[in-house]
N, C-alpha and C. Protein backbone atom coordinates (compact mmCIF):
# COMPACT_ATOMS: atom_id res chain seq x y z
N MET A 1 0.74 -1.21 0.03
CA MET A 1 0.00 -0.07 0.07
C MET A 1 0.88 1.27 0.03
N ARG A 2 2.01 1.22 0.88
CA ARG A 2 2.75 2.49 0.87
C ARG A 2 3.53 2.83 -0.30
N SER A 3 3.96 1.74 -1.07
CA SER A 3 4.63 1.86 -2.33
C SER A 3 3.78 2.53 -3.31
N PHE A 4 2.50 1.91 -3.27
CA PHE A 4 1.50 2.64 -4.28
C PHE A 4 1.14 4.05 -4.02
N LEU A 5 1.14 4.44 -2.77
CA LEU A 5 0.90 5.90 -2.45
C LEU A 5 2.11 6.79 -2.84
N TYR A 6 3.28 6.10 -2.71
CA TYR A 6 4.60 6.90 -3.12
C TYR A 6 4.57 7.13 -4.63
N LYS A 7 4.32 6.06 -5.41
CA LYS A 7 4.25 6.08 -6.65
C LYS A 7 3.13 7.09 -7.21
N LEU A 8 1.96 7.08 -6.62
CA LEU A 8 0.90 7.98 -6.86
C LEU A 8 1.49 9.42 -6.87
N ALA A 9 2.05 9.78 -5.58
CA ALA A 9 2.45 11.03 -5.32
C ALA A 9 3.54 11.40 -6.33
N ARG A 10 4.39 10.52 -6.77
CA ARG A 10 5.34 11.06 -7.78
C ARG A 10 4.65 11.34 -9.07
N PHE A 11 3.76 10.49 -9.37
CA PHE A 11 2.95 10.72 -10.66
C PHE A 11 2.23 11.98 -10.67
N LEU A 12 1.52 12.36 -9.53
CA LEU A 12 0.88 13.64 -9.31
C LEU A 12 1.85 14.72 -9.44
N GLY A 13 3.06 14.61 -8.87
CA GLY A 13 4.14 15.60 -9.03
C GLY A 13 4.61 15.84 -10.32
N ASP A 14 4.69 14.74 -11.14
CA ASP A 14 4.87 14.93 -12.50
C ASP A 14 3.85 15.64 -13.37
N VAL A 15 2.68 15.28 -13.00
CA VAL A 15 1.45 15.96 -13.79
C VAL A 15 1.37 17.54 -13.41
N ASN A 16 1.74 17.68 -12.20
CA ASN A 16 1.72 19.27 -11.80
C ASN A 16 2.97 19.88 -12.36
N ALA A 17 4.06 19.39 -12.51
CA ALA A 17 5.30 19.97 -13.16
C ALA A 17 4.91 20.29 -14.62
N VAL A 18 4.30 19.43 -15.32
CA VAL A 18 3.79 19.56 -16.67
C VAL A 18 2.95 20.67 -16.93
N LYS A 19 1.95 20.78 -15.93
CA LYS A 19 1.01 21.89 -15.95
C LYS A 19 1.63 23.12 -15.79
N LYS A 20 2.70 23.25 -14.93
CA LYS A 20 3.35 24.47 -14.62
C LYS A 20 4.47 24.90 -15.66
N GLY A 21 4.85 23.77 -16.41
CA GLY A 21 5.97 24.03 -17.25
C GLY A 21 7.43 23.82 -16.67
N ARG A 22 7.43 23.09 -15.61
CA ARG A 22 8.70 22.98 -14.91
C ARG A 22 9.32 21.58 -14.95
N VAL A 23 9.14 20.90 -16.06
CA VAL A 23 9.60 19.54 -16.21
C VAL A 23 10.97 19.39 -16.08
N GLY A 24 11.79 20.30 -16.86
CA GLY A 24 13.25 20.11 -16.87
C GLY A 24 13.75 20.23 -15.39
N ARG A 25 13.28 21.27 -14.54
CA ARG A 25 13.74 21.52 -13.21
C ARG A 25 13.52 20.18 -12.47
N ARG A 26 12.32 19.46 -12.71
CA ARG A 26 11.94 18.29 -12.02
C ARG A 26 12.86 17.15 -12.10
N VAL A 27 13.18 16.99 -13.51
CA VAL A 27 14.11 15.91 -14.09
C VAL A 27 15.52 16.22 -13.40
N LYS A 28 15.87 17.31 -13.29
CA LYS A 28 17.28 17.62 -12.72
C LYS A 28 17.33 17.36 -11.15
N ARG A 29 16.32 17.82 -10.51
CA ARG A 29 16.12 17.56 -9.21
C ARG A 29 16.12 16.05 -8.90
N ARG A 30 15.45 15.22 -9.57
CA ARG A 30 15.26 13.76 -9.61
C ARG A 30 16.71 13.18 -9.67
N ALA A 31 17.34 13.61 -10.79
CA ALA A 31 18.56 12.95 -11.11
C ALA A 31 19.71 13.28 -9.89
N ALA A 32 19.62 14.48 -9.37
CA ALA A 32 20.51 15.02 -8.29
C ALA A 32 20.12 14.17 -7.01
N GLY A 33 19.01 13.79 -6.66
CA GLY A 33 18.45 13.06 -5.56
C GLY A 33 19.08 11.56 -5.79
N ARG A 34 18.94 11.02 -6.95
CA ARG A 34 19.38 9.68 -7.19
C ARG A 34 20.83 9.49 -7.00
N SER A 35 21.63 10.60 -7.56
CA SER A 35 23.07 10.44 -7.36
C SER A 35 23.53 10.69 -5.99
N THR A 36 22.88 11.42 -5.25
CA THR A 36 23.16 11.66 -3.88
C THR A 36 22.83 10.54 -3.05
N GLY A 37 21.70 9.87 -3.45
CA GLY A 37 21.33 8.56 -2.66
C GLY A 37 22.38 7.53 -2.83
N LYS A 38 22.83 7.39 -4.13
CA LYS A 38 23.93 6.48 -4.50
C LYS A 38 25.32 6.66 -3.66
N LEU A 39 25.55 7.91 -3.63
CA LEU A 39 26.86 8.33 -2.92
C LEU A 39 26.75 8.07 -1.50
N LEU A 40 25.57 8.39 -0.76
CA LEU A 40 25.42 8.24 0.61
C LEU A 40 25.54 6.68 0.92
N ARG A 41 24.90 5.92 -0.10
CA ARG A 41 24.80 4.56 0.22
C ARG A 41 26.04 3.80 0.13
N LYS A 42 27.00 4.48 -0.83
CA LYS A 42 28.51 3.89 -0.77
C LYS A 42 29.16 4.33 0.48
N LEU A 43 29.03 5.48 1.06
CA LEU A 43 29.68 6.04 2.24
C LEU A 43 29.31 5.18 3.40
N PHE A 44 28.11 4.89 3.42
CA PHE A 44 27.60 4.40 4.69
C PHE A 44 27.45 2.67 4.74
N LYS A 45 28.06 2.11 3.53
CA LYS A 45 27.93 0.74 3.50
C LYS A 45 28.94 -0.12 4.32
């Protein structure tokens, strides 16, 4: 259930970004978040 809600929230955020014309900004932030998460995972492994 929780994973479904997270996916729904992410989808709604995408829809909102498209409506406001901020898709590029959202993509950049997502990529930055992923790379930060990978870096932190390596540090604390």
